[in-house]
PDB file of N, CA and C in Angstrom:
ATOM      1  N   MET A   1      -7.847 -33.669 -54.649  1.00  0.00           N
ATOM      2  CA  MET A   1      -8.160 -34.282 -53.375  1.00  0.00           C
ATOM      3  C   MET A   1      -9.362 -35.192 -53.516  1.00  0.00           C
ATOM      4  N   ARG A   2      -9.382 -36.182 -52.702  1.00  0.00           N
ATOM      5  CA  ARG A   2     -10.513 -37.102 -52.693  1.00  0.00           C
ATOM      6  C   ARG A   2     -11.395 -36.753 -51.509  1.00  0.00           C
ATOM      7  N   PHE A   3     -12.663 -36.468 -51.757  1.00  0.00           N
ATOM      8  CA  PHE A   3     -13.591 -36.174 -50.680  1.00  0.00           C
ATOM      9  C   PHE A   3     -14.830 -37.033 -50.817  1.00  0.00           C
ATOM     10  N   PHE A   4     -15.296 -37.489 -49.700  1.00  0.00           N
ATOM     11  CA  PHE A   4     -16.585 -38.153 -49.606  1.00  0.00           C
ATOM     12  C   PHE A   4     -16.701 -39.350 -50.554  1.00  0.00           C
ATOM     13  N   ASN A   5     -15.676 -40.161 -50.621  1.00  0.00           N
ATOM     14  CA  ASN A   5     -15.692 -41.354 -51.457  1.00  0.00           C
ATOM     15  C   ASN A   5     -16.119 -42.585 -50.672  1.00  0.00           C
ATOM     16  N   ILE A   6     -16.651 -42.389 -49.483  1.00  0.00           N
ATOM     17  CA  ILE A   6     -17.016 -43.512 -48.629  1.00  0.00           C
ATOM     18  C   ILE A   6     -18.074 -44.372 -49.302  1.00  0.00           C
ATOM     19  N   ASN A   7     -19.077 -43.745 -49.898  1.00  0.00           N
ATOM     20  CA  ASN A   7     -20.149 -44.489 -50.557  1.00  0.00           C
ATOM     21  C   ASN A   7     -19.583 -45.332 -51.692  1.00  0.00           C
ATOM     22  N   LEU A   8     -18.678 -44.774 -52.465  1.00  0.00           N
ATOM     23  CA  LEU A   8     -18.044 -45.504 -53.555  1.00  0.00           C
ATOM     24  C   LEU A   8     -17.272 -46.695 -53.020  1.00  0.00           C
ATOM     25  N   GLU A   9     -16.548 -46.485 -51.911  1.00  0.00           N
ATOM     26  CA  GLU A   9     -15.769 -47.570 -51.326  1.00  0.00           C
ATOM     27  C   GLU A   9     -16.688 -48.710 -50.885  1.00  0.00           C
ATOM     28  N   LEU A  10     -17.780 -48.385 -50.244  1.00  0.00           N
ATOM     29  CA  LEU A  10     -18.695 -49.418 -49.758  1.00  0.00           C
ATOM     30  C   LEU A  10     -19.356 -50.152 -50.912  1.00  0.00           C
ATOM     31  N   ASN A  11     -19.713 -49.424 -51.968  1.00  0.00           N
ATOM     32  CA  ASN A  11     -20.309 -50.071 -53.131  1.00  0.00           C
ATOM     33  C   ASN A  11     -19.313 -51.012 -53.796  1.00  0.00           C
ATOM     34  N   THR A  12     -18.055 -50.597 -53.874  1.00  0.00           N
ATOM     35  CA  THR A  12     -17.023 -51.442 -54.460  1.00  0.00           C
ATOM     36  C   THR A  12     -16.873 -52.714 -53.647  1.00  0.00           C
ATOM     37  N   PHE A  13     -16.838 -52.573 -52.325  1.00  0.00           N
ATOM     38  CA  PHE A  13     -16.696 -53.743 -51.468  1.00  0.00           C
ATOM     39  C   PHE A  13     -17.913 -54.651 -51.591  1.00  0.00           C
ATOM     40  N   GLY A  14     -19.111 -54.062 -51.666  1.00  0.00           N
ATOM     41  CA  GLY A  14     -20.331 -54.855 -51.790  1.00  0.00           C
ATOM     42  C   GLY A  14     -20.324 -55.692 -53.063  1.00  0.00           C
ATOM     43  N   ALA A  15     -19.877 -55.093 -54.162  1.00  0.00           N
ATOM     44  CA  ALA A  15     -19.794 -55.837 -55.426  1.00  0.00           C
ATOM     45  C   ALA A  15     -18.761 -56.942 -55.317  1.00  0.00           C
ATOM     46  N   TYR A  16     -17.661 -56.651 -54.638  1.00  0.00           N
ATOM     47  CA  TYR A  16     -16.610 -57.651 -54.471  1.00  0.00           C
ATOM     48  C   TYR A  16     -17.099 -58.821 -53.614  1.00  0.00           C
ATOM     49  N   ALA A  17     -17.784 -58.502 -52.522  1.00  0.00           N
ATOM     50  CA  ALA A  17     -18.279 -59.550 -51.631  1.00  0.00           C
ATOM     51  C   ALA A  17     -19.303 -60.427 -52.341  1.00  0.00           C
ATOM     52  N   LYS A  18     -20.160 -59.834 -53.142  1.00  0.00           N
ATOM     53  CA  LYS A  18     -21.155 -60.602 -53.890  1.00  0.00           C
ATOM     54  C   LYS A  18     -20.465 -61.533 -54.886  1.00  0.00           C
ATOM     55  N   ASP A  19     -19.441 -61.010 -55.555  1.00  0.00           N
ATOM     56  CA  ASP A  19     -18.682 -61.818 -56.503  1.00  0.00           C
ATOM     57  C   ASP A  19     -17.999 -62.987 -55.801  1.00  0.00           C
ATOM     58  N   MET A  20     -17.453 -62.726 -54.613  1.00  0.00           N
ATOM     59  CA  MET A  20     -16.751 -63.778 -53.868  1.00  0.00           C
ATOM     60  C   MET A  20     -17.738 -64.860 -53.413  1.00  0.00           C
ATOM     61  N   SER A  21     -18.947 -64.477 -53.026  1.00  0.00           N
ATOM     62  CA  SER A  21     -19.912 -65.469 -52.563  1.00  0.00           C
ATOM     63  C   SER A  21     -20.402 -66.335 -53.725  1.00  0.00           C
ATOM     64  N   ASN A  22     -20.422 -65.782 -54.928  1.00  0.00           N
ATOM     65  CA  ASN A  22     -20.849 -66.551 -56.101  1.00  0.00           C
ATOM     66  C   ASN A  22     -19.811 -67.585 -56.526  1.00  0.00           C
ATOM     67  N   LYS A  23     -18.550 -67.389 -56.162  1.00  0.00           N
ATOM     68  CA  LYS A  23     -17.497 -68.320 -56.574  1.00  0.00           C
ATOM     69  C   LYS A  23     -17.513 -69.606 -55.773  1.00  0.00           C
ATOM     70  N   GLY A  24     -18.160 -69.564 -54.623  1.00  0.00           N
ATOM     71  CA  GLY A  24     -18.310 -70.784 -53.842  1.00  0.00           C
ATOM     72  C   GLY A  24     -17.180 -71.000 -52.860  1.00  0.00           C
ATOM     73  N   ALA A  25     -17.348 -72.021 -52.055  1.00  0.00           N
ATOM     74  CA  ALA A  25     -16.391 -72.293 -50.983  1.00  0.00           C
ATOM     75  C   ALA A  25     -15.217 -73.122 -51.454  1.00  0.00           C
ATOM     76  N   ASN A  26     -15.227 -73.608 -52.693  1.00  0.00           N
ATOM     77  CA  ASN A  26     -14.148 -74.475 -53.146  1.00  0.00           C
ATOM     78  C   ASN A  26     -12.835 -73.731 -53.336  1.00  0.00           C
ATOM     79  N   GLN A  27     -12.864 -72.410 -53.346  1.00  0.00           N
ATOM     80  CA  GLN A  27     -11.616 -71.673 -53.480  1.00  0.00           C
ATOM     81  C   GLN A  27     -10.996 -71.382 -52.123  1.00  0.00           C
ATOM     82  N   GLY A  28     -11.737 -71.520 -51.060  1.00  0.00           N
ATOM     83  CA  GLY A  28     -11.287 -71.467 -49.674  1.00  0.00           C
ATOM     84  C   GLY A  28     -10.262 -70.414 -49.345  1.00  0.00           C
ATOM     85  N   LYS A  29      -9.023 -70.850 -49.207  1.00  0.00           N
ATOM     86  CA  LYS A  29      -7.935 -70.004 -48.715  1.00  0.00           C
ATOM     87  C   LYS A  29      -7.690 -68.800 -49.607  1.00  0.00           C
ATOM     88  N   SER A  30      -7.694 -68.997 -50.924  1.00  0.00           N
ATOM     89  CA  SER A  30      -7.428 -67.870 -51.812  1.00  0.00           C
ATOM     90  C   SER A  30      -8.535 -66.818 -51.714  1.00  0.00           C
ATOM     91  N   SER A  31      -9.779 -67.250 -51.529  1.00  0.00           N
ATOM     92  CA  SER A  31     -10.876 -66.304 -51.355  1.00  0.00           C
ATOM     93  C   SER A  31     -10.722 -65.523 -50.067  1.00  0.00           C
ATOM     94  N   ALA A  32     -10.326 -66.216 -49.014  1.00  0.00           N
ATOM     95  CA  ALA A  32     -10.130 -65.540 -47.733  1.00  0.00           C
ATOM     96  C   ALA A  32      -8.979 -64.553 -47.822  1.00  0.00           C
ATOM     97  N   ASP A  33      -7.907 -64.926 -48.496  1.00  0.00           N
ATOM     98  CA  ASP A  33      -6.769 -64.020 -48.672  1.00  0.00           C
ATOM     99  C   ASP A  33      -7.159 -62.819 -49.523  1.00  0.00           C
ATOM    100  N   ALA A  34      -7.907 -63.072 -50.579  1.00  0.00           N
ATOM    101  CA  ALA A  34      -8.348 -61.981 -51.441  1.00  0.00           C
ATOM    102  C   ALA A  34      -9.283 -61.041 -50.691  1.00  0.00           C
ATOM    103  N   LEU A  35     -10.157 -61.599 -49.886  1.00  0.00           N
ATOM    104  CA  LEU A  35     -11.075 -60.782 -49.098  1.00  0.00           C
ATOM    105  C   LEU A  35     -10.309 -59.952 -48.073  1.00  0.00           C
ATOM    106  N   ALA A  36      -9.330 -60.583 -47.421  1.00  0.00           N
ATOM    107  CA  ALA A  36      -8.518 -59.853 -46.445  1.00  0.00           C
ATOM    108  C   ALA A  36      -7.759 -58.719 -47.118  1.00  0.00           C
ATOM    109  N   LYS A  37      -7.222 -58.963 -48.298  1.00  0.00           N
ATOM    110  CA  LYS A  37      -6.510 -57.926 -49.044  1.00  0.00           C
ATOM    111  C   LYS A  37      -7.461 -56.793 -49.414  1.00  0.00           C
ATOM    112  N   GLN A  38      -8.653 -57.153 -49.887  1.00  0.00           N
ATOM    113  CA  GLN A  38      -9.651 -56.148 -50.260  1.00  0.00           C
ATOM    114  C   GLN A  38     -10.051 -55.306 -49.049  1.00  0.00           C
ATOM    115  N   LEU A  39     -10.252 -55.960 -47.914  1.00  0.00           N
ATOM    116  CA  LEU A  39     -10.605 -55.225 -46.695  1.00  0.00           C
ATOM    117  C   LEU A  39      -9.495 -54.264 -46.297  1.00  0.00           C
ATOM    118  N   GLN A  40      -8.237 -54.708 -46.379  1.00  0.00           N
ATOM    119  CA  GLN A  40      -7.107 -53.847 -46.036  1.00  0.00           C
ATOM    120  C   GLN A  40      -7.028 -52.647 -46.979  1.00  0.00           C
ATOM    121  N   GLU A  41      -7.213 -52.880 -48.268  1.00  0.00           N
ATOM    122  CA  GLU A  41      -7.186 -51.780 -49.238  1.00  0.00           C
ATOM    123  C   GLU A  41      -8.318 -50.791 -48.979  1.00  0.00           C
ATOM    124  N   THR A  42      -9.494 -51.318 -48.678  1.00  0.00           N
ATOM    125  CA  THR A  42     -10.635 -50.453 -48.375  1.00  0.00           C
ATOM    126  C   THR A  42     -10.376 -49.654 -47.115  1.00  0.00           C
ATOM    127  N   ARG A  43      -9.824 -50.291 -46.113  1.00  0.00           N
ATOM    128  CA  ARG A  43      -9.487 -49.615 -44.860  1.00  0.00           C
ATOM    129  C   ARG A  43      -8.508 -48.466 -45.124  1.00  0.00           C
ATOM    130  N   GLU A  44      -7.494 -48.709 -45.953  1.00  0.00           N
ATOM    131  CA  GLU A  44      -6.503 -47.678 -46.264  1.00  0.00           C
ATOM    132  C   GLU A  44      -7.125 -46.523 -47.034  1.00  0.00           C
ATOM    133  N   ARG A  45      -8.023 -46.830 -47.988  1.00  0.00           N
ATOM    134  CA  ARG A  45      -8.685 -45.765 -48.739  1.00  0.00           C
ATOM    135  C   ARG A  45      -9.600 -44.939 -47.825  1.00  0.00           C
ATOM    136  N   LEU A  46     -10.310 -45.601 -46.924  1.00  0.00           N
ATOM    137  CA  LEU A  46     -11.174 -44.883 -45.989  1.00  0.00           C
ATOM    138  C   LEU A  46     -10.349 -44.005 -45.061  1.00  0.00           C
ATOM    139  N   GLU A  47      -9.204 -44.509 -44.620  1.00  0.00           N
ATOM    140  CA  GLU A  47      -8.313 -43.717 -43.765  1.00  0.00           C
ATOM    141  C   GLU A  47      -7.856 -42.458 -44.503  1.00  0.00           C
ATOM    142  N   GLN A  48      -7.489 -42.613 -45.776  1.00  0.00           N
ATOM    143  CA  GLN A  48      -7.063 -41.454 -46.572  1.00  0.00           C
ATOM    144  C   GLN A  48      -8.220 -40.480 -46.760  1.00  0.00           C
ATOM    145  N   THR A  49      -9.427 -40.997 -46.985  1.00  0.00           N
ATOM    146  CA  THR A  49     -10.588 -40.132 -47.146  1.00  0.00           C
ATOM    147  C   THR A  49     -10.857 -39.336 -45.880  1.00  0.00           C
ATOM    148  N   ILE A  50     -10.729 -39.972 -44.731  1.00  0.00           N
ATOM    149  CA  ILE A  50     -10.942 -39.278 -43.457  1.00  0.00           C
ATOM    150  C   ILE A  50      -9.876 -38.206 -43.257  1.00  0.00           C
ATOM    151  N   GLU A  51      -8.636 -38.496 -43.621  1.00  0.00           N
ATOM    152  CA  GLU A  51      -7.576 -37.483 -43.530  1.00  0.00           C
ATOM    153  C   GLU A  51      -7.871 -36.309 -44.455  1.00  0.00           C
ATOM    154  N   ASP A  52      -8.354 -36.598 -45.671  1.00  0.00           N
ATOM    155  CA  ASP A  52      -8.698 -35.540 -46.617  1.00  0.00           C
ATOM    156  C   ASP A  52      -9.830 -34.660 -46.080  1.00  0.00           C
ATOM    157  N   ILE A  53     -10.831 -35.290 -45.476  1.00  0.00           N
ATOM    158  CA  ILE A  53     -11.938 -34.524 -44.887  1.00  0.00           C
ATOM    159  C   ILE A  53     -11.409 -33.658 -43.747  1.00  0.00           C
ATOM    160  N   GLY A  54     -10.525 -34.208 -42.920  1.00  0.00           N
ATOM    161  CA  GLY A  54      -9.921 -33.443 -41.838  1.00  0.00           C
ATOM    162  C   GLY A  54      -9.166 -32.236 -42.356  1.00  0.00           C
ATOM    163  N   ASP A  55      -8.410 -32.408 -43.439  1.00  0.00           N
ATOM    164  CA  ASP A  55      -7.695 -31.282 -44.039  1.00  0.00           C
ATOM    165  C   ASP A  55      -8.670 -30.242 -44.581  1.00  0.00           C
ATOM    166  N   TYR A  56      -9.755 -30.720 -45.165  1.00  0.00           N
ATOM    167  CA  TYR A  56     -10.737 -29.821 -45.768  1.00  0.00           C
ATOM    168  C   TYR A  56     -11.414 -28.941 -44.715  1.00  0.00           C
ATOM    169  N   VAL A  57     -11.702 -29.485 -43.545  1.00  0.00           N
ATOM    170  CA  VAL A  57     -12.433 -28.730 -42.521  1.00  0.00           C
ATOM    171  C   VAL A  57     -11.513 -28.050 -41.503  1.00  0.00           C
ATOM    172  N   ARG A  58     -10.201 -28.167 -41.666  1.00  0.00           N
ATOM    173  CA  ARG A  58      -9.267 -27.490 -40.762  1.00  0.00           C
ATOM    174  C   ARG A  58      -9.467 -25.980 -40.891  1.00  0.00           C
ATOM    175  N   PRO A  59      -9.626 -25.263 -39.769  1.00  0.00           N
ATOM    176  CA  PRO A  59      -9.920 -23.824 -39.820  1.00  0.00           C
ATOM    177  C   PRO A  59      -8.942 -23.011 -40.673  1.00  0.00           C
ATOM    178  N   LYS A  60      -7.663 -23.324 -40.610  1.00  0.00           N
ATOM    179  CA  LYS A  60      -6.683 -22.588 -41.406  1.00  0.00           C
ATOM    180  C   LYS A  60      -6.965 -22.751 -42.897  1.00  0.00           C
ATOM    181  N   ASN A  61      -7.307 -23.957 -43.315  1.00  0.00           N
ATOM    182  CA  ASN A  61      -7.595 -24.200 -44.728  1.00  0.00           C
ATOM    183  C   ASN A  61      -8.896 -23.529 -45.155  1.00  0.00           C
ATOM    184  N   ILE A  62      -9.880 -23.509 -44.266  1.00  0.00           N
ATOM    185  CA  ILE A  62     -11.138 -22.812 -44.567  1.00  0.00           C
ATOM    186  C   ILE A  62     -10.873 -21.322 -44.755  1.00  0.00           C
ATOM    187  N   ALA A  63     -10.056 -20.746 -43.861  1.00  0.00           N
ATOM    188  CA  ALA A  63      -9.722 -19.325 -43.966  1.00  0.00           C
ATOM    189  C   ALA A  63      -8.959 -19.028 -45.254  1.00  0.00           C
ATOM    190  N   THR A  64      -8.034 -19.896 -45.606  1.00  0.00           N
ATOM    191  CA  THR A  64      -7.262 -19.701 -46.839  1.00  0.00           C
ATOM    192  C   THR A  64      -8.171 -19.732 -48.062  1.00  0.00           C
ATOM    193  N   ARG A  65      -9.099 -20.707 -48.104  1.00  0.00           N
ATOM    194  CA  ARG A  65     -10.029 -20.767 -49.232  1.00  0.00           C
ATOM    195  C   ARG A  65     -10.900 -19.513 -49.288  1.00  0.00           C
ATOM    196  N   GLY A  66     -11.338 -19.030 -48.128  1.00  0.00           N
ATOM    197  CA  GLY A  66     -12.157 -17.816 -48.081  1.00  0.00           C
ATOM    198  C   GLY A  66     -11.397 -16.604 -48.587  1.00  0.00           C
ATOM    199  N   MET A  67     -10.139 -16.476 -48.153  1.00  0.00           N
ATOM    200  CA  MET A  67      -9.320 -15.348 -48.610  1.00  0.00           C
ATOM    201  C   MET A  67      -9.074 -15.442 -50.117  1.00  0.00           C
ATOM    202  N   ASP A  68      -8.867 -16.642 -50.611  1.00  0.00           N
ATOM    203  CA  ASP A  68      -8.664 -16.817 -52.049  1.00  0.00           C
ATOM    204  C   ASP A  68      -9.906 -16.383 -52.827  1.00  0.00           C
ATOM    205  N   LYS A  69     -11.089 -16.711 -52.310  1.00  0.00           N
ATOM    206  CA  LYS A  69     -12.328 -16.302 -52.981  1.00  0.00           C
ATOM    207  C   LYS A  69     -12.474 -14.785 -52.989  1.00  0.00           C
ATOM    208  N   VAL A  70     -12.170 -14.150 -51.850  1.00  0.00           N
ATOM    209  CA  VAL A  70     -12.267 -12.691 -51.769  1.00  0.00           C
ATOM    210  C   VAL A  70     -11.268 -12.044 -52.713  1.00  0.00           C
ATOM    211  N   THR A  71     -10.038 -12.536 -52.691  1.00  0.00           N
ATOM    212  CA  THR A  71      -9.002 -11.987 -53.569  1.00  0.00           C
ATOM    213  C   THR A  71      -9.388 -12.157 -55.032  1.00  0.00           C
ATOM    214  N   ASP A  72      -9.901 -13.314 -55.384  1.00  0.00           N
ATOM    215  CA  ASP A  72     -10.318 -13.557 -56.764  1.00  0.00           C
ATOM    216  C   ASP A  72     -11.470 -12.654 -57.183  1.00  0.00           C
ATOM    217  N   PHE A  73     -12.337 -12.293 -56.233  1.00  0.00           N
ATOM    218  CA  PHE A  73     -13.466 -11.416 -56.531  1.00  0.00           C
ATOM    219  C   PHE A  73     -12.984 -10.047 -57.001  1.00  0.00           C
ATOM    220  N   PHE A  74     -11.866  -9.585 -56.461  1.00  0.00           N
ATOM    221  CA  PHE A  74     -11.357  -8.251 -56.783  1.00  0.00           C
ATOM    222  C   PHE A  74     -10.336  -8.258 -57.918  1.00  0.00           C
ATOM    223  N   LYS A  75     -10.147  -9.391 -58.587  1.00  0.00           N
ATOM    224  CA  LYS A  75      -9.202  -9.482 -59.704  1.00  0.00           C
ATOM    225  C   LYS A  75      -9.933  -9.903 -60.972  1.00  0.00           C
ATOM    226  N   THR A  76      -9.362  -9.498 -62.109  1.00  0.00           N
ATOM    227  CA  THR A  76      -9.858  -9.978 -63.398  1.00  0.00           C
ATOM    228  C   THR A  76      -9.258 -11.356 -63.660  1.00  0.00           C
ATOM    229  N   ASP A  77      -9.654 -11.964 -64.764  1.00  0.00           N
ATOM    230  CA  ASP A  77      -9.139 -13.292 -65.102  1.00  0.00           C
ATOM    231  C   ASP A  77      -7.631 -13.305 -65.299  1.00  0.00           C
ATOM    232  N   ASP A  78      -7.070 -12.168 -65.747  1.00  0.00           N
ATOM    233  CA  ASP A  78      -5.618 -12.119 -65.963  1.00  0.00           C
ATOM    234  C   ASP A  78      -4.856 -11.617 -64.735  1.00  0.00           C
ATOM    235  N   GLY A  79      -5.540 -11.450 -63.605  1.00  0.00           N
ATOM    236  CA  GLY A  79      -4.879 -11.107 -62.339  1.00  0.00           C
ATOM    237  C   GLY A  79      -4.796  -9.625 -62.037  1.00  0.00           C
ATOM    238  N   GLN A  80      -5.348  -8.789 -62.888  1.00  0.00           N
ATOM    239  CA  GLN A  80      -5.326  -7.343 -62.660  1.00  0.00           C
ATOM    240  C   GLN A  80      -6.459  -6.949 -61.712  1.00  0.00           C
ATOM    241  N   PRO A  81      -6.219  -5.923 -60.868  1.00  0.00           N
ATOM    242  CA  PRO A  81      -7.282  -5.493 -59.946  1.00  0.00           C
ATOM    243  C   PRO A  81      -8.476  -4.888 -60.702  1.00  0.00           C
ATOM    244  N   GLN A  82      -9.665  -5.118 -60.193  1.00  0.00           N
ATOM    245  CA  GLN A  82     -10.881  -4.547 -60.765  1.00  0.00           C
ATOM    246  C   GLN A  82     -11.233  -3.297 -59.971  1.00  0.00           C
ATOM    247  N   ALA A  83     -10.943  -2.146 -60.563  1.00  0.00           N
ATOM    248  CA  ALA A  83     -11.109  -0.867 -59.875  1.00  0.00           C
ATOM    249  C   ALA A  83     -12.549  -0.628 -59.424  1.00  0.00           C
ATOM    250  N   GLN A  84     -13.530  -1.014 -60.240  1.00  0.00           N
ATOM    251  CA  GLN A  84     -14.934  -0.770 -59.878  1.00  0.00           C
ATOM    252  C   GLN A  84     -15.327  -1.533 -58.622  1.00  0.00           C
ATOM    253  N   ARG A  85     -14.913  -2.781 -58.527  1.00  0.00           N
ATOM    254  CA  ARG A  85     -15.261  -3.569 -57.343  1.00  0.00           C
ATOM    255  C   ARG A  85     -14.537  -3.058 -56.107  1.00  0.00           C
ATOM    256  N   ILE A  86     -13.294  -2.664 -56.267  1.00  0.00           N
ATOM    257  CA  ILE A  86     -12.533  -2.134 -55.130  1.00  0.00           C
ATOM    258  C   ILE A  86     -13.169  -0.830 -54.652  1.00  0.00           C
ATOM    259  N   ALA A  87     -13.523   0.048 -55.590  1.00  0.00           N
ATOM    260  CA  ALA A  87     -14.153   1.326 -55.230  1.00  0.00           C
ATOM    261  C   ALA A  87     -15.494   1.096 -54.534  1.00  0.00           C
ATOM    262  N   ALA A  88     -16.273   0.158 -55.028  1.00  0.00           N
ATOM    263  CA  ALA A  88     -17.568  -0.134 -54.411  1.00  0.00           C
ATOM    264  C   ALA A  88     -17.387  -0.666 -52.992  1.00  0.00           C
ATOM    265  N   ALA A  89     -16.405  -1.520 -52.782  1.00  0.00           N
ATOM    266  CA  ALA A  89     -16.153  -2.061 -51.448  1.00  0.00           C
ATOM    267  C   ALA A  89     -15.697  -0.962 -50.501  1.00  0.00           C
ATOM    268  N   LEU A  90     -14.805  -0.091 -50.965  1.00  0.00           N
ATOM    269  CA  LEU A  90     -14.341   1.020 -50.119  1.00  0.00           C
ATOM    270  C   LEU A  90     -15.488   1.972 -49.781  1.00  0.00           C
ATOM    271  N   ALA A  91     -16.332   2.256 -50.753  1.00  0.00           N
ATOM    272  CA  ALA A  91     -17.481   3.131 -50.505  1.00  0.00           C
ATOM    273  C   ALA A  91     -18.404   2.505 -49.465  1.00  0.00           C
ATOM    274  N   SER A  92     -18.595   1.216 -49.530  1.00  0.00           N
ATOM    275  CA  SER A  92     -19.436   0.531 -48.542  1.00  0.00           C
ATOM    276  C   SER A  92     -18.838   0.624 -47.149  1.00  0.00           C
ATOM    277  N   VAL A  93     -17.550   0.440 -47.048  1.00  0.00           N
ATOM    278  CA  VAL A  93     -16.875   0.515 -45.747  1.00  0.00           C
ATOM    279  C   VAL A  93     -16.972   1.931 -45.190  1.00  0.00           C
ATOM    280  N   VAL A  94     -16.677   2.927 -46.017  1.00  0.00           N
ATOM    281  CA  VAL A  94     -16.746   4.323 -45.566  1.00  0.00           C
ATOM    282  C   VAL A  94     -18.173   4.683 -45.160  1.00  0.00           C
ATOM    283  N   GLY A  95     -19.159   4.266 -45.942  1.00  0.00           N
ATOM    284  CA  GLY A  95     -20.557   4.547 -45.600  1.00  0.00           C
ATOM    285  C   GLY A  95     -20.959   3.892 -44.292  1.00  0.00           C
ATOM    286  N   THR A  96     -20.535   2.646 -44.087  1.00  0.00           N
ATOM    287  CA  THR A  96     -20.858   1.939 -42.839  1.00  0.00           C
ATOM    288  C   THR A  96     -20.210   2.636 -41.648  1.00  0.00           C
ATOM    289  N   LEU A  97     -18.948   3.037 -41.792  1.00  0.00           N
ATOM    290  CA  LEU A  97     -18.266   3.738 -40.697  1.00  0.00           C
ATOM    291  C   LEU A  97     -18.939   5.076 -40.401  1.00  0.00           C
ATOM    292  N   GLY A  98     -19.374   5.765 -41.455  1.00  0.00           N
ATOM    293  CA  GLY A  98     -20.079   7.036 -41.269  1.00  0.00           C
ATOM    294  C   GLY A  98     -21.390   6.840 -40.517  1.00  0.00           C
ATOM    295  N   LEU A  99     -22.142   5.806 -40.876  1.00  0.00           N
ATOM    296  CA  LEU A  99     -23.399   5.526 -40.180  1.00  0.00           C
ATOM    297  C   LEU A  99     -23.153   5.152 -38.719  1.00  0.00           C
ATOM    298  N   LEU A 100     -22.124   4.371 -38.459  1.00  0.00           N
ATOM    299  CA  LEU A 100     -21.805   4.003 -37.074  1.00  0.00           C
ATOM    300  C   LEU A 100     -21.435   5.233 -36.253  1.00  0.00           C
ATOM    301  N   LYS A 101     -20.620   6.106 -36.835  1.00  0.00           N
ATOM    302  CA  LYS A 101     -20.214   7.327 -36.126  1.00  0.00           C
ATOM    303  C   LYS A 101     -21.423   8.219 -35.844  1.00  0.00           C
ATOM    304  N   LYS A 102     -22.295   8.336 -36.830  1.00  0.00           N
ATOM    305  CA  LYS A 102     -23.482   9.169 -36.671  1.00  0.00           C
ATOM    306  C   LYS A 102     -24.418   8.588 -35.598  1.00  0.00           C
ATOM    307  N   SER A 103     -24.612   7.267 -35.612  1.00  0.00           N
ATOM    308  CA  SER A 103     -25.514   6.660 -34.640  1.00  0.00           C
ATOM    309  C   SER A 103     -24.934   6.722 -33.236  1.00  0.00           C
ATOM    310  N   ARG A 104     -23.643   6.641 -33.078  1.00  0.00           N
ATOM    311  CA  ARG A 104     -23.027   6.768 -31.754  1.00  0.00           C
ATOM    312  C   ARG A 104     -23.095   8.190 -31.245  1.00  0.00           C
ATOM    313  N   GLY A 105     -23.007   9.134 -32.159  1.00  0.00           N
ATOM    314  CA  GLY A 105     -23.095  10.539 -31.770  1.00  0.00           C
ATOM    315  C   GLY A 105     -24.467  10.877 -31.223  1.00  0.00           C
ATOM    316  N   LYS A 106     -25.525  10.270 -31.763  1.00  0.00           N
ATOM    317  CA  LYS A 106     -26.881  10.545 -31.294  1.00  0.00           C
ATOM    318  C   LYS A 106     -27.118   9.953 -29.916  1.00  0.00           C
ATOM    319  N   LYS A 107     -26.519   8.801 -29.617  1.00  0.00           N
ATOM    320  CA  LYS A 107     -26.726   8.161 -28.323  1.00  0.00           C
ATOM    321  C   LYS A 107     -26.084   8.959 -27.192  1.00  0.00           C
ATOM    322  N   GLU A 108     -24.957   9.606 -27.469  1.00  0.00           N
ATOM    323  CA  GLU A 108     -24.244  10.345 -26.423  1.00  0.00           C
ATOM    324  C   GLU A 108     -24.914  11.659 -26.094  1.00  0.00           C
ATOM    325  N   SER A 109     -25.738  12.186 -26.980  1.00  0.00           N
ATOM    326  CA  SER A 109     -26.370  13.493 -26.757  1.00  0.00           C
ATOM    327  C   SER A 109     -27.443  13.446 -25.715  1.00  0.00           C
TER     328      SER A 109
END
């Protein structure tokens, strides 16, 4: 995916515009056509970049990336589950639930 290429696009256009101004006005129509083509290409690339950014920040895609990171955390490089990490996570959950139950029991007394 292409992300955040706006700066590159603007720098490319800036170099192109400088080159076109150095060629002079004697090329007239062809320079204007070339500039119009360059602007259209830049516009299309910027449109694609904005679409890519939109896809990147879409909540469903953010959630999918997060789940992939969590899943990868509990797997080895060859895709097998890591028992130590799973056990540690379960122990944390059980301990947290135990503390919540204990703290709620004290409030009701």
